[in-house]
Amino acid sequence: MPPAGVRPAATTAVNWFDQRASGDLMTRVIEDVNNVERLLIDGTEQGAVALLSITGALAFMLSYSPSLTLVALAPMPLLVAGALWYTTTATGVTSAARGGERHERAVDG
C-alpha cells in the first residue's frame, strides 16, 4: 500500500503535471517535507512545554485556592467552544481563499 501522500499524486490527471514546471513540483514537495520535519521537531517540543506549563499552573492554583481555581476555569467551556467554532469555519474560508489564489495564478500566467 503506498504512503498517504502518494495517493493524491497518483490519482491526479497527467495534464495537471504537464502544465507545471518540474522545478515547481519539486519545490512543493521539498517545502512539504521541511514543514513536516519542523512539525515533528518543534511541535513535539512546544507541545510538551505547553502541557507541562498548564499542568504546573493548574497544580499551583489548586494548591493555593481550589474555589478560586474553579471560578477561574468557569469560562473554559465557552473558550473551547469558540475555538472549535473558529477552527471549523476558518478551514472553509481559507480553502476558498486558496482556491481563488490558484485560479488567479492560472489566469495570469
C-alpha atoms as a PDB file:
ATOM      1  CA  MET A   1       0.000   0.000   0.000  1.00  0.00           C
ATOM      2  CA  PRO A   2       1.537   3.361  -0.989  1.00  0.00           C
ATOM      3  CA  PRO A   3       2.022   6.110   1.609  1.00  0.00           C
ATOM      4  CA  ALA A   4      -0.890   8.511   2.085  1.00  0.00           C
ATOM      5  CA  GLY A   5       0.962  11.391   0.391  1.00  0.00           C
ATOM      6  CA  VAL A   6       1.448   9.375  -2.793  1.00  0.00           C
ATOM      7  CA  ARG A   7      -2.230   8.589  -3.343  1.00  0.00           C
ATOM      8  CA  PRO A   8      -3.320  12.166  -4.299  1.00  0.00           C
ATOM      9  CA  ALA A   9      -0.384  12.495  -6.709  1.00  0.00           C
ATOM     10  CA  ALA A  10      -1.138   9.113  -8.246  1.00  0.00           C
ATOM     11  CA  THR A  11      -4.794   9.986  -8.872  1.00  0.00           C
ATOM     12  CA  THR A  12      -4.111  13.445 -10.353  1.00  0.00           C
ATOM     13  CA  ALA A  13      -4.631  13.794 -14.062  1.00  0.00           C
ATOM     14  CA  VAL A  14      -1.468  13.690 -16.167  1.00  0.00           C
ATOM     15  CA  ASN A  15      -2.232  17.001 -17.890  1.00  0.00           C
ATOM     16  CA  TRP A  16      -2.019  18.750 -14.486  1.00  0.00           C
ATOM     17  CA  PHE A  17       1.640  17.684 -14.287  1.00  0.00           C
ATOM     18  CA  ASP A  18       2.229  18.625 -17.932  1.00  0.00           C
ATOM     19  CA  GLN A  19       1.088  22.188 -17.258  1.00  0.00           C
ATOM     20  CA  ARG A  20       3.572  22.748 -14.420  1.00  0.00           C
ATOM     21  CA  ALA A  21       7.336  23.028 -14.387  1.00  0.00           C
ATOM     22  CA  SER A  22       9.149  20.139 -12.711  1.00  0.00           C
ATOM     23  CA  GLY A  23      11.025  22.645 -10.548  1.00  0.00           C
ATOM     24  CA  ASP A  24       7.726  23.955  -9.195  1.00  0.00           C
ATOM     25  CA  LEU A  25       6.613  20.441  -8.288  1.00  0.00           C
ATOM     26  CA  MET A  26       9.928  19.636  -6.619  1.00  0.00           C
ATOM     27  CA  THR A  27       9.794  22.889  -4.647  1.00  0.00           C
ATOM     28  CA  ARG A  28       6.348  21.991  -3.336  1.00  0.00           C
ATOM     29  CA  VAL A  29       7.478  18.509  -2.291  1.00  0.00           C
ATOM     30  CA  ILE A  30      10.627  19.806  -0.596  1.00  0.00           C
ATOM     31  CA  GLU A  31       8.665  22.503   1.261  1.00  0.00           C
ATOM     32  CA  ASP A  32       6.168  19.901   2.445  1.00  0.00           C
ATOM     33  CA  VAL A  33       8.949  17.665   3.734  1.00  0.00           C
ATOM     34  CA  ASN A  34      10.519  20.631   5.527  1.00  0.00           C
ATOM     35  CA  ASN A  35       7.187  21.558   7.094  1.00  0.00           C
ATOM     36  CA  VAL A  36       6.625  18.026   8.368  1.00  0.00           C
ATOM     37  CA  GLU A  37      10.166  17.920   9.760  1.00  0.00           C
ATOM     38  CA  ARG A  38       9.612  21.261  11.521  1.00  0.00           C
ATOM     39  CA  LEU A  39       6.343  19.975  12.968  1.00  0.00           C
ATOM     40  CA  LEU A  40       7.930  16.797  14.300  1.00  0.00           C
ATOM     41  CA  ILE A  41      10.921  18.562  15.831  1.00  0.00           C
ATOM     42  CA  ASP A  42       9.497  21.861  17.056  1.00  0.00           C
ATOM     43  CA  GLY A  43       5.884  20.806  17.500  1.00  0.00           C
ATOM     44  CA  THR A  44       6.579  17.975  19.915  1.00  0.00           C
ATOM     45  CA  GLU A  45       8.887  20.153  21.998  1.00  0.00           C
ATOM     46  CA  GLN A  46       6.474  23.073  22.136  1.00  0.00           C
ATOM     47  CA  GLY A  47       3.555  20.743  22.854  1.00  0.00           C
ATOM     48  CA  ALA A  48       5.377  19.120  25.764  1.00  0.00           C
ATOM     49  CA  VAL A  49       6.346  22.509  27.216  1.00  0.00           C
ATOM     50  CA  ALA A  50       2.768  23.789  26.886  1.00  0.00           C
ATOM     51  CA  LEU A  51       1.328  20.669  28.509  1.00  0.00           C
ATOM     52  CA  LEU A  52       3.769  20.810  31.415  1.00  0.00           C
ATOM     53  CA  SER A  53       3.137  24.545  31.892  1.00  0.00           C
ATOM     54  CA  ILE A  54      -0.630  24.101  32.031  1.00  0.00           C
ATOM     55  CA  THR A  55      -0.326  21.146  34.394  1.00  0.00           C
ATOM     56  CA  GLY A  56       2.025  23.055  36.692  1.00  0.00           C
ATOM     57  CA  ALA A  57      -0.167  26.160  36.711  1.00  0.00           C
ATOM     58  CA  LEU A  58      -3.279  24.120  37.497  1.00  0.00           C
ATOM     59  CA  ALA A  59      -1.481  22.260  40.293  1.00  0.00           C
ATOM     60  CA  PHE A  60      -0.320  25.560  41.800  1.00  0.00           C
ATOM     61  CA  MET A  61      -3.779  27.111  41.503  1.00  0.00           C
ATOM     62  CA  LEU A  62      -5.449  24.091  43.103  1.00  0.00           C
ATOM     63  CA  SER A  63      -2.973  24.054  45.989  1.00  0.00           C
ATOM     64  CA  TYR A  64      -3.391  27.813  46.563  1.00  0.00           C
ATOM     65  CA  SER A  65      -7.195  28.072  46.347  1.00  0.00           C
ATOM     66  CA  PRO A  66      -9.406  25.314  44.908  1.00  0.00           C
ATOM     67  CA  SER A  67     -12.530  27.502  44.898  1.00  0.00           C
ATOM     68  CA  LEU A  68     -10.774  30.354  43.085  1.00  0.00           C
ATOM     69  CA  THR A  69      -9.436  27.811  40.585  1.00  0.00           C
ATOM     70  CA  LEU A  70     -12.980  26.701  39.771  1.00  0.00           C
ATOM     71  CA  VAL A  71     -14.058  30.327  39.295  1.00  0.00           C
ATOM     72  CA  ALA A  72     -11.077  30.957  37.006  1.00  0.00           C
ATOM     73  CA  LEU A  73     -11.840  27.829  34.961  1.00  0.00           C
ATOM     74  CA  ALA A  74     -15.607  28.554  34.672  1.00  0.00           C
ATOM     75  CA  PRO A  75     -15.356  30.256  31.241  1.00  0.00           C
ATOM     76  CA  MET A  76     -13.203  27.425  29.843  1.00  0.00           C
ATOM     77  CA  PRO A  77     -16.125  25.585  28.129  1.00  0.00           C
ATOM     78  CA  LEU A  78     -17.021  28.800  26.269  1.00  0.00           C
ATOM     79  CA  LEU A  79     -13.413  29.295  25.210  1.00  0.00           C
ATOM     80  CA  VAL A  80     -13.162  25.719  23.937  1.00  0.00           C
ATOM     81  CA  ALA A  81     -16.475  26.037  22.071  1.00  0.00           C
ATOM     82  CA  GLY A  82     -15.312  29.304  20.491  1.00  0.00           C
ATOM     83  CA  ALA A  83     -12.004  27.759  19.445  1.00  0.00           C
ATOM     84  CA  LEU A  84     -13.788  24.773  17.887  1.00  0.00           C
ATOM     85  CA  TRP A  85     -16.229  27.050  16.051  1.00  0.00           C
ATOM     86  CA  TYR A  86     -13.402  29.220  14.724  1.00  0.00           C
ATOM     87  CA  THR A  87     -11.391  26.181  13.629  1.00  0.00           C
ATOM     88  CA  THR A  88     -14.269  24.676  11.688  1.00  0.00           C
ATOM     89  CA  THR A  89     -15.282  27.930   9.999  1.00  0.00           C
ATOM     90  CA  ALA A  90     -11.734  29.123   9.281  1.00  0.00           C
ATOM     91  CA  THR A  91     -10.940  25.919   7.385  1.00  0.00           C
ATOM     92  CA  GLY A  92     -13.666  26.602   4.822  1.00  0.00           C
ATOM     93  CA  VAL A  93     -12.713  30.255   4.440  1.00  0.00           C
ATOM     94  CA  THR A  94      -9.013  29.556   3.919  1.00  0.00           C
ATOM     95  CA  SER A  95      -9.788  26.765   1.455  1.00  0.00           C
ATOM     96  CA  ALA A  96     -11.958  29.136  -0.564  1.00  0.00           C
ATOM     97  CA  ALA A  97      -9.246  31.794  -0.475  1.00  0.00           C
ATOM     98  CA  ARG A  98      -6.598  29.327  -1.599  1.00  0.00           C
ATOM     99  CA  GLY A  99      -8.814  28.180  -4.452  1.00  0.00           C
ATOM    100  CA  GLY A 100      -9.165  31.778  -5.601  1.00  0.00           C
ATOM    101  CA  GLU A 101      -5.400  32.245  -5.430  1.00  0.00           C
ATOM    102  CA  ARG A 102      -4.803  29.213  -7.606  1.00  0.00           C
ATOM    103  CA  HIS A 103      -7.392  30.420 -10.098  1.00  0.00           C
ATOM    104  CA  GLU A 104      -5.717  33.854 -10.295  1.00  0.00           C
ATOM    105  CA  ARG A 105      -2.311  32.250 -10.886  1.00  0.00           C
ATOM    106  CA  ALA A 106      -3.705  30.060 -13.648  1.00  0.00           C
ATOM    107  CA  VAL A 107      -5.378  33.002 -15.374  1.00  0.00           C
ATOM    108  CA  ASP A 108      -2.372  35.353 -15.009  1.00  0.00           C
ATOM    109  CA  GLY A 109       0.222  33.063 -16.332  1.00  0.00           C
END
